[in-house]
Amino acid sequence: MLLGILIFIFGLLVTVGLHELGHLIPAKKFGVKVPQYFIGFGPTLWSRTVNGTEYGIKAILLGGYVALAGMLAPAKPGTKTTKKDGSLTSAEEARQQSALELELGEEDHAFWKLPARKKLVVMFGGPFVNFVLSMICLTIVFVGIGTPVSSNTLAHVATCIDGSSSCPESQQSPALRAGLKSGDRVMKWNNKPIENWDELYKVIGTSGTKSYPVVVDRDGQMLTLSIKPIFKSATHAQADKTDSVKTERPFVGISPTMVKERRSITEVPSQTLNLAWQTTKIIVALPVHLWNTLQGLFNGAERNPNGVVGIVGIADIAGSITSTESSNYSFIDRAGDMLLLMGSLNMSLFIFNLIPLLPLDGGHILGALIEGIRRSRARRTGKPDPGAFDTARLLPLSNAVIVFFIGMTLLLVVADIVNPIL
């Protein structure tokens, strides 16, 4: 368990470090002053200054940051900067604090002075690194290690129709009566060639319950058997999981062997986009998931296995991957599952950071997009340059977002401990 958690923490730190490099490298390339690059928060454990940037590690290893000097543009003429009592607004305080990050003569190295397209590159750089890391993890698993798939080799032949281990001959499964055995590789079913379990499942469902031939490879010898399926009721969950439907389909009494199957590298983009889509759907429904999680803390309801988990839950999954004792769960299997976990984590960070709210990267990306559109429109219409987008005006909302994120983190930590996903 501990090994898996340590591996996850290391992977998380690498992820955070590379994410921040995605901001730092283009920022320095474009001449922005970058005072700090740190992994972690809180007291500094170690640091070293190189080319004007202090690189270091802090005590609380739960994230990281890169400081870009001059993030906020000065207030435009006519902008309200003081309250009724004469004190500065929170936005103006933030603008002035941002200006203090630049010493005399460094004004041109402010982030806010970058053209909109360069701001986009800097702010999108971090999430883009997470997307690339996710794709790399998926590539290693799909192309190098392989993923479990159901094969046309039989793992189990049921003894009885009802699943019991002993019964009268009249209640034996069609597969057993036909002479099928574990280890048989199905080559043809009802005269149709079979290459995988999906094909076999479909053919069984469409072949009816009359007797027909089945060709299997048993230890290198081709055997032709005759099978007569029966109809058996099956219960299937509805898509919304609020009800179930009973259907009848031909029943044989066989189950497949799981094998590792490597895929073509050309499938990786579609698999990555599918993961991005599934992650997006979860994040869009985040308020609902959090509400259900909160209710579960009080009523003891089981958490949705397809819902959200916090850092504790993810670490627990990582620990389970390394601690599960099974002769069929090899080191390569564990490595593949750990890579899939890290790939999913990076995809979540990619999508989450694109939410167009400060202090997330998406908030700055939105500001750069608005700025670029305004300036482009001004050039086309011959109007004066509207200048940089005043991101500081969004700060009051960002404070609410920060409170929400803190609350979400605490809720998920408590839920992962008190009511974990089973």
Protein backbone atom coordinates (compact mmCIF):
# COMPACT_ATOMS: atom_id res chain seq x y z
CA MET A 1 0.00 0.00 0.00
CA LEU A 2 2.70 2.49 1.05
CA LEU A 3 4.74 1.84 -2.10
CA GLY A 4 1.79 2.70 -4.32
CA ILE A 5 1.09 5.89 -2.40
CA LEU A 6 4.75 6.96 -2.64
CA ILE A 7 4.78 6.25 -6.38
CA PHE A 8 1.61 8.31 -6.79
CA ILE A 9 3.06 11.22 -4.79
CA PHE A 10 6.22 11.13 -6.91
CA GLY A 11 4.15 11.05 -10.10
CA LEU A 12 2.02 13.94 -8.85
CA LEU A 13 5.10 16.04 -8.10
CA VAL A 14 6.53 15.32 -11.54
CA THR A 15 3.18 16.27 -13.07
CA VAL A 16 3.06 19.54 -11.14
CA GLY A 17 6.67 20.35 -11.95
CA LEU A 18 6.21 19.78 -15.67
CA HIS A 19 2.92 21.72 -15.66
CA GLU A 20 4.67 24.75 -14.19
CA LEU A 21 7.53 24.38 -16.68
CA GLY A 22 4.87 24.66 -19.37
CA HIS A 23 4.26 28.19 -18.09
CA LEU A 24 7.84 29.09 -17.20
CA ILE A 25 9.64 28.19 -20.43
CA PRO A 26 7.49 30.26 -22.83
CA ALA A 27 7.29 33.11 -20.29
CA LYS A 28 11.08 33.37 -20.16
CA LYS A 29 11.24 32.97 -23.95
CA PHE A 30 8.97 35.99 -24.32
CA GLY A 31 10.97 38.07 -21.84
CA VAL A 32 8.63 37.95 -18.84
CA LYS A 33 10.26 38.30 -15.44
CA VAL A 34 9.83 35.01 -13.55
CA PRO A 35 10.89 35.52 -9.91
CA GLN A 36 10.01 32.05 -8.57
CA TYR A 37 9.41 28.43 -9.56
CA PHE A 38 8.48 26.22 -6.61
CA ILE A 39 7.20 22.71 -6.02
CA GLY A 40 4.97 22.71 -2.94
CA PHE A 41 3.72 25.42 -0.59
CA GLY A 42 4.64 26.72 2.84
CA PRO A 43 8.16 26.99 4.29
CA THR A 44 11.03 26.67 1.82
CA LEU A 45 13.15 23.53 2.22
CA TRP A 46 15.63 24.27 -0.54
CA SER A 47 16.09 26.87 -3.25
CA ARG A 48 18.62 28.14 -5.74
CA THR A 49 18.52 31.22 -7.95
CA VAL A 50 19.48 30.80 -11.61
CA ASN A 51 19.20 33.59 -14.20
CA GLY A 52 16.93 35.65 -11.98
CA THR A 53 14.54 32.82 -11.07
CA GLU A 54 14.50 31.15 -7.66
CA TYR A 55 13.90 27.42 -8.08
CA GLY A 56 13.01 25.44 -4.99
CA ILE A 57 11.00 22.94 -2.97
CA LYS A 58 8.62 23.80 -0.16
CA ALA A 59 7.44 21.71 2.78
CA ILE A 60 3.81 21.01 1.77
CA LEU A 61 4.04 18.93 -1.39
CA LEU A 62 0.48 19.45 -2.57
CA GLY A 63 1.03 21.46 -5.72
CA GLY A 64 3.34 24.13 -6.99
CA TYR A 65 3.50 27.48 -8.71
CA VAL A 66 5.48 29.73 -11.00
CA ALA A 67 5.39 33.47 -10.30
CA LEU A 68 5.02 35.71 -13.36
CA ALA A 69 5.77 39.34 -12.58
CA GLY A 70 3.26 41.99 -13.63
CA MET A 71 0.31 39.70 -14.26
CA LEU A 72 -2.22 42.52 -13.84
CA ALA A 73 -2.40 45.60 -16.05
CA PRO A 74 -2.76 49.08 -14.49
CA ALA A 75 -6.29 50.46 -14.22
CA LYS A 76 -7.52 52.26 -17.31
CA PRO A 77 -8.64 55.88 -17.06
CA GLY A 78 -12.12 56.06 -15.60
CA THR A 79 -11.84 52.75 -13.74
CA LYS A 80 -13.07 52.91 -10.16
CA THR A 81 -10.07 52.30 -7.89
CA THR A 82 -11.32 53.50 -4.50
CA LYS A 83 -14.27 52.74 -2.25
CA LYS A 84 -16.62 55.29 -0.71
CA ASP A 85 -14.39 55.54 2.35
CA GLY A 86 -11.38 56.36 0.18
CA SER A 87 -9.62 53.01 0.58
CA LEU A 88 -8.45 51.07 -2.45
CA THR A 89 -10.67 48.45 -4.01
CA SER A 90 -9.42 44.88 -3.82
CA ALA A 91 -8.81 44.94 -7.57
CA GLU A 92 -6.67 48.10 -7.32
CA GLU A 93 -4.72 46.64 -4.40
CA ALA A 94 -3.97 43.61 -6.54
CA ARG A 95 -2.89 45.83 -9.47
CA GLN A 96 -0.49 47.80 -7.29
CA GLN A 97 0.89 44.65 -5.69
CA SER A 98 1.48 43.27 -9.19
CA ALA A 99 3.38 46.42 -10.16
CA LEU A 100 5.66 46.08 -7.11
CA GLU A 101 6.93 42.76 -8.51
CA LEU A 102 8.85 44.77 -11.10
CA GLU A 103 11.81 46.93 -10.20
CA LEU A 104 12.64 50.24 -11.87
CA GLY A 105 13.57 49.57 -15.48
CA GLU A 106 11.83 46.17 -15.63
CA GLU A 107 8.44 47.50 -16.72
CA ASP A 108 8.77 45.97 -20.19
CA HIS A 109 9.15 42.51 -18.64
CA ALA A 110 5.61 42.51 -17.25
CA PHE A 111 3.34 39.69 -18.30
CA TRP A 112 0.44 42.05 -19.01
CA LYS A 113 2.46 43.78 -21.74
CA LEU A 114 2.69 40.62 -23.85
CA PRO A 115 0.54 40.45 -26.99
CA ALA A 116 -2.60 38.38 -26.49
CA ARG A 117 -1.26 35.47 -28.58
CA LYS A 118 1.82 35.18 -26.37
CA LYS A 119 -0.29 35.33 -23.23
CA LEU A 120 -2.28 32.42 -24.62
CA VAL A 121 0.88 30.42 -25.21
CA VAL A 122 2.16 31.04 -21.68
CA MET A 123 -1.12 30.27 -19.92
CA PHE A 124 -2.08 27.31 -22.11
CA GLY A 125 1.42 25.85 -21.76
CA GLY A 126 0.72 24.30 -18.35
CA PRO A 127 -2.53 22.50 -19.24
CA PHE A 128 -1.07 21.46 -22.58
CA VAL A 129 1.75 19.66 -20.76
CA ASN A 130 -0.88 17.71 -18.78
CA PHE A 131 -2.61 16.75 -22.02
CA VAL A 132 0.68 15.53 -23.52
CA LEU A 133 1.52 13.57 -20.34
CA SER A 134 -1.90 11.94 -20.45
CA MET A 135 -1.38 10.94 -24.08
CA ILE A 136 2.09 9.55 -23.28
CA CYS A 137 0.68 7.40 -20.47
CA LEU A 138 -2.09 6.09 -22.71
CA THR A 139 0.39 5.40 -25.53
CA ILE A 140 2.65 3.34 -23.26
CA VAL A 141 -0.33 1.32 -22.01
CA PHE A 142 -2.22 0.82 -25.27
CA VAL A 143 0.76 0.33 -27.58
CA GLY A 144 3.48 -1.04 -25.29
CA ILE A 145 1.75 -2.95 -22.49
CA GLY A 146 -1.70 -3.67 -23.85
CA THR A 147 -5.12 -3.54 -22.23
CA PRO A 148 -7.29 -6.43 -21.03
CA VAL A 149 -9.78 -7.68 -23.62
CA SER A 150 -12.09 -10.65 -23.72
CA SER A 151 -10.79 -13.33 -26.09
CA ASN A 152 -12.49 -16.20 -27.90
CA THR A 153 -10.69 -18.67 -25.60
CA LEU A 154 -13.01 -19.98 -22.91
CA ALA A 155 -12.06 -19.38 -19.28
CA HIS A 156 -15.05 -21.14 -17.73
CA VAL A 157 -17.84 -23.47 -18.78
CA ALA A 158 -20.86 -23.36 -16.46
CA THR A 159 -21.98 -26.66 -14.97
CA CYS A 160 -25.60 -25.71 -14.43
CA ILE A 161 -28.04 -23.25 -15.93
CA ASP A 162 -28.57 -21.58 -12.56
CA GLY A 163 -24.83 -21.26 -11.91
CA SER A 164 -24.62 -23.96 -9.25
CA SER A 165 -21.87 -26.59 -9.25
CA SER A 166 -24.14 -29.66 -9.35
CA CYS A 167 -27.54 -30.40 -10.87
CA PRO A 168 -29.51 -33.03 -12.82
CA GLU A 169 -28.51 -33.56 -16.42
CA SER A 170 -31.65 -31.74 -17.58
CA GLN A 171 -30.42 -28.59 -15.80
CA GLN A 172 -26.87 -28.70 -17.13
CA SER A 173 -25.72 -25.74 -19.22
CA PRO A 174 -25.86 -26.09 -23.02
CA ALA A 175 -22.07 -25.60 -23.15
CA LEU A 176 -21.39 -28.50 -20.78
CA ARG A 177 -23.81 -30.81 -22.64
CA ALA A 178 -22.16 -29.86 -25.93
CA GLY A 179 -18.75 -30.90 -24.58
CA LEU A 180 -17.12 -27.47 -24.43
CA LYS A 181 -14.22 -27.16 -21.97
CA SER A 182 -12.17 -24.41 -20.38
CA GLY A 183 -9.24 -23.56 -22.64
CA ASP A 184 -11.14 -24.26 -25.86
CA ARG A 185 -10.59 -21.59 -28.48
CA VAL A 186 -13.74 -20.97 -30.49
CA MET A 187 -12.91 -20.81 -34.21
CA LYS A 188 -16.42 -20.97 -35.69
CA TRP A 189 -19.87 -20.60 -34.19
CA ASN A 190 -22.85 -21.57 -36.32
CA ASN A 191 -20.49 -21.61 -39.36
CA LYS A 192 -19.36 -18.01 -38.74
CA PRO A 193 -15.60 -17.39 -38.18
CA ILE A 194 -14.81 -16.02 -34.71
CA GLU A 195 -11.76 -13.91 -33.83
CA ASN A 196 -12.75 -12.30 -30.53
CA TRP A 197 -15.34 -12.37 -27.76
CA ASP A 198 -17.41 -9.50 -29.15
CA GLU A 199 -17.99 -11.43 -32.37
CA LEU A 200 -18.86 -14.58 -30.42
CA TYR A 201 -21.29 -12.73 -28.14
CA LYS A 202 -23.11 -11.23 -31.13
CA VAL A 203 -23.34 -14.54 -32.99
CA ILE A 204 -24.76 -16.33 -29.93
CA GLY A 205 -27.40 -13.63 -29.60
CA THR A 206 -28.51 -13.93 -33.23
CA SER A 207 -28.27 -17.71 -33.79
CA GLY A 208 -31.41 -18.67 -31.89
CA THR A 209 -31.94 -21.88 -29.90
CA LYS A 210 -31.79 -24.53 -32.59
CA SER A 211 -28.87 -26.98 -32.67
CA TYR A 212 -25.90 -25.80 -34.76
CA PRO A 213 -22.19 -26.63 -35.10
CA VAL A 214 -19.33 -25.11 -33.11
CA VAL A 215 -15.68 -25.55 -34.12
CA VAL A 216 -13.07 -25.24 -31.37
CA ASP A 217 -9.30 -25.56 -31.18
CA ARG A 218 -8.47 -27.84 -28.24
CA ASP A 219 -4.73 -28.23 -27.69
CA GLY A 220 -4.09 -27.88 -31.42
CA GLN A 221 -6.82 -30.28 -32.48
CA MET A 222 -9.88 -29.01 -34.33
CA LEU A 223 -13.14 -30.41 -32.95
CA THR A 224 -16.67 -29.89 -34.25
CA LEU A 225 -19.34 -29.97 -31.56
CA SER A 226 -23.08 -29.44 -31.63
CA ILE A 227 -24.74 -26.99 -29.24
CA LYS A 228 -28.36 -26.10 -28.53
CA PRO A 229 -28.71 -22.84 -26.55
CA ILE A 230 -31.72 -22.06 -24.40
CA PHE A 231 -33.49 -18.79 -23.67
CA LYS A 232 -32.71 -17.31 -20.28
CA SER A 233 -33.89 -14.08 -18.70
CA ALA A 234 -31.24 -11.45 -18.02
CA THR A 235 -31.54 -8.23 -16.06
CA HIS A 236 -29.87 -5.13 -17.46
CA ALA A 237 -29.51 -1.73 -15.78
CA GLN A 238 -30.96 1.26 -17.55
CA ALA A 239 -28.59 4.03 -18.64
CA ASP A 240 -29.84 6.31 -15.86
CA LYS A 241 -29.52 3.47 -13.30
CA THR A 242 -32.99 4.25 -11.94
CA ASP A 243 -34.60 1.07 -13.22
CA SER A 244 -33.78 -2.27 -14.80
CA VAL A 245 -35.10 -4.21 -17.74
CA LYS A 246 -35.49 -7.97 -18.08
CA THR A 247 -34.74 -9.41 -21.50
CA GLU A 248 -34.32 -12.88 -22.94
CA ARG A 249 -31.42 -13.98 -25.10
CA PRO A 250 -29.88 -17.33 -26.02
CA PHE A 251 -27.88 -18.73 -23.10
CA VAL A 252 -24.89 -21.04 -23.50
CA GLY A 253 -22.93 -20.90 -20.23
CA ILE A 254 -19.44 -19.77 -21.20
CA SER A 255 -17.15 -16.92 -20.17
CA PRO A 256 -14.03 -15.57 -21.91
CA THR A 257 -10.37 -15.55 -20.99
CA MET A 258 -8.95 -12.05 -20.52
CA VAL A 259 -5.80 -11.34 -22.52
CA LYS A 260 -3.56 -8.35 -23.05
CA GLU A 261 -4.04 -6.79 -26.45
CA ARG A 262 -1.77 -4.12 -27.87
CA ARG A 263 -3.32 -1.53 -30.11
CA SER A 264 -2.09 0.49 -33.03
CA ILE A 265 -0.58 3.88 -32.22
CA THR A 266 -3.13 5.36 -34.60
CA GLU A 267 -5.83 4.56 -32.01
CA VAL A 268 -4.18 6.66 -29.30
CA PRO A 269 -5.60 10.05 -30.42
CA SER A 270 -9.17 8.74 -30.41
CA GLN A 271 -8.65 7.07 -27.02
CA THR A 272 -7.18 10.30 -25.63
CA LEU A 273 -10.09 12.37 -26.94
CA ASN A 274 -12.55 9.86 -25.51
CA LEU A 275 -10.87 10.17 -22.09
CA ALA A 276 -11.04 13.97 -22.44
CA TRP A 277 -14.76 13.78 -23.24
CA GLN A 278 -15.54 11.45 -20.35
CA THR A 279 -13.54 13.68 -17.98
CA THR A 280 -15.33 16.78 -19.25
CA LYS A 281 -18.72 15.21 -18.54
CA ILE A 282 -17.68 14.46 -14.96
CA ILE A 283 -16.38 18.01 -14.40
CA VAL A 284 -19.52 19.57 -15.90
CA ALA A 285 -21.58 17.52 -13.45
CA LEU A 286 -19.19 18.35 -10.58
CA PRO A 287 -21.75 20.28 -8.47
CA VAL A 288 -24.14 17.31 -8.63
CA HIS A 289 -21.38 14.85 -7.71
CA LEU A 290 -20.30 17.02 -4.78
CA TRP A 291 -23.88 17.34 -3.53
CA ASN A 292 -24.38 13.58 -3.71
CA THR A 293 -21.08 13.08 -1.91
CA LEU A 294 -22.14 15.48 0.84
CA GLN A 295 -25.48 13.70 1.25
CA GLY A 296 -23.68 10.36 1.45
CA LEU A 297 -21.73 11.59 4.48
CA PHE A 298 -25.00 12.03 6.36
CA ASN A 299 -27.21 9.23 5.07
CA GLY A 300 -24.49 6.60 4.54
CA ALA A 301 -25.42 6.00 0.89
CA GLU A 302 -22.75 4.33 -1.22
CA ARG A 303 -20.80 6.69 -3.44
CA ASN A 304 -21.11 6.47 -7.20
CA PRO A 305 -18.10 4.48 -8.49
CA ASN A 306 -18.12 6.78 -11.53
CA GLY A 307 -18.18 9.91 -9.41
CA VAL A 308 -15.36 12.16 -8.22
CA VAL A 309 -12.66 11.31 -5.70
CA GLY A 310 -10.15 13.48 -3.90
CA ILE A 311 -6.42 13.21 -3.44
CA VAL A 312 -6.89 10.64 -0.65
CA GLY A 313 -9.09 8.46 -2.86
CA ILE A 314 -6.61 8.54 -5.72
CA ALA A 315 -3.75 7.69 -3.38
CA ASP A 316 -5.81 4.78 -2.03
CA ILE A 317 -6.33 3.48 -5.57
CA ALA A 318 -2.59 3.73 -6.20
CA GLY A 319 -1.91 1.86 -2.96
CA SER A 320 -4.35 -0.89 -3.94
CA ILE A 321 -2.62 -1.35 -7.28
CA THR A 322 0.70 -2.20 -5.63
CA SER A 323 -0.67 -4.12 -2.64
CA THR A 324 -3.19 -6.44 -4.33
CA GLU A 325 -1.98 -10.02 -3.95
CA SER A 326 -2.77 -12.15 -6.99
CA SER A 327 -0.67 -14.49 -9.09
CA ASN A 328 -2.55 -13.25 -12.15
CA TYR A 329 -1.72 -9.59 -11.43
CA SER A 330 1.83 -9.17 -12.69
CA PHE A 331 4.26 -6.28 -12.33
CA ILE A 332 3.45 -5.22 -15.90
CA ASP A 333 -0.27 -5.24 -15.07
CA ARG A 334 0.36 -3.02 -12.05
CA ALA A 335 2.56 -0.66 -14.07
CA GLY A 336 -0.13 -0.38 -16.72
CA ASP A 337 -2.85 0.41 -14.17
CA MET A 338 -0.63 2.98 -12.48
CA LEU A 339 0.04 4.65 -15.84
CA LEU A 340 -3.68 4.69 -16.60
CA LEU A 341 -4.27 6.33 -13.21
CA MET A 342 -1.66 9.01 -13.93
CA GLY A 343 -3.04 9.47 -17.43
CA SER A 344 -6.52 10.05 -16.02
CA LEU A 345 -5.14 12.43 -13.39
CA ASN A 346 -3.32 14.49 -16.02
CA MET A 347 -6.41 14.63 -18.21
CA SER A 348 -8.43 15.84 -15.22
CA LEU A 349 -5.86 18.57 -14.57
CA PHE A 350 -5.94 19.55 -18.25
CA ILE A 351 -9.72 19.90 -18.40
CA PHE A 352 -10.05 21.39 -14.93
CA ASN A 353 -7.45 24.09 -15.57
CA LEU A 354 -9.30 25.19 -18.71
CA ILE A 355 -12.36 26.24 -16.70
CA PRO A 356 -12.59 29.98 -17.56
CA LEU A 357 -12.39 31.21 -13.97
CA LEU A 358 -9.55 32.80 -12.04
CA PRO A 359 -7.26 31.74 -10.46
CA LEU A 360 -7.26 28.80 -12.89
CA ASP A 361 -5.27 29.06 -16.11
CA GLY A 362 -8.56 29.14 -17.98
CA GLY A 363 -9.40 32.50 -16.41
CA HIS A 364 -6.22 34.05 -17.82
CA ILE A 365 -6.80 32.30 -21.14
CA LEU A 366 -10.29 33.83 -21.29
CA GLY A 367 -8.83 37.27 -20.55
CA ALA A 368 -6.24 36.87 -23.34
CA LEU A 369 -8.92 35.74 -25.79
CA ILE A 370 -11.13 38.74 -24.98
CA GLU A 371 -8.15 41.05 -25.30
CA GLY A 372 -7.14 39.55 -28.65
CA ILE A 373 -10.67 39.83 -30.05
CA ARG A 374 -11.04 43.44 -28.90
CA ARG A 375 -7.70 44.51 -30.35
CA SER A 376 -8.32 42.68 -33.61
CA ARG A 377 -11.73 44.33 -33.96
CA ALA A 378 -10.22 47.73 -33.20
CA ARG A 379 -7.59 47.29 -35.93
CA ARG A 380 -10.20 46.26 -38.49
CA THR A 381 -12.49 49.18 -37.70
CA GLY A 382 -9.73 51.78 -37.29
CA LYS A 383 -10.59 52.44 -33.65
CA PRO A 384 -7.99 53.13 -30.91
CA ASP A 385 -6.24 50.16 -29.29
CA PRO A 386 -8.37 49.19 -26.25
CA GLY A 387 -5.23 47.98 -24.45
CA ALA A 388 -4.76 44.96 -22.20
CA PHE A 389 -7.76 43.25 -20.65
CA ASP A 390 -8.22 44.29 -17.01
CA THR A 391 -8.01 40.85 -15.40
CA ALA A 392 -8.06 42.42 -11.93
CA ARG A 393 -11.78 43.12 -12.33
CA LEU A 394 -12.37 39.36 -12.14
CA LEU A 395 -10.58 38.98 -8.80
CA PRO A 396 -13.67 39.27 -6.54
CA LEU A 397 -15.12 36.26 -8.35
CA SER A 398 -11.78 34.45 -8.08
CA ASN A 399 -11.95 34.73 -4.28
CA ALA A 400 -15.28 32.90 -4.36
CA VAL A 401 -13.76 30.27 -6.64
CA ILE A 402 -10.86 29.76 -4.22
CA VAL A 403 -13.31 29.26 -1.32
CA PHE A 404 -15.24 26.75 -3.44
CA PHE A 405 -12.07 24.80 -4.29
CA ILE A 406 -10.99 24.69 -0.65
CA GLY A 407 -14.43 23.46 0.37
CA MET A 408 -14.44 20.86 -2.41
CA THR A 409 -11.01 19.59 -1.41
CA LEU A 410 -11.99 19.25 2.25
CA LEU A 411 -15.28 17.55 1.37
CA LEU A 412 -13.60 14.97 -0.85
CA VAL A 413 -10.83 14.29 1.68
CA VAL A 414 -13.41 13.63 4.40
CA ALA A 415 -15.58 11.53 2.06
CA ASP A 416 -12.58 9.48 0.87
CA ILE A 417 -11.81 8.63 4.50
CA VAL A 418 -15.30 8.25 6.00
CA ASN A 419 -17.27 6.98 2.99
CA PRO A 420 -14.78 5.74 0.36
CA ILE A 421 -15.80 4.45 -3.04
CA LEU A 422 -15.81 0.64 -2.77
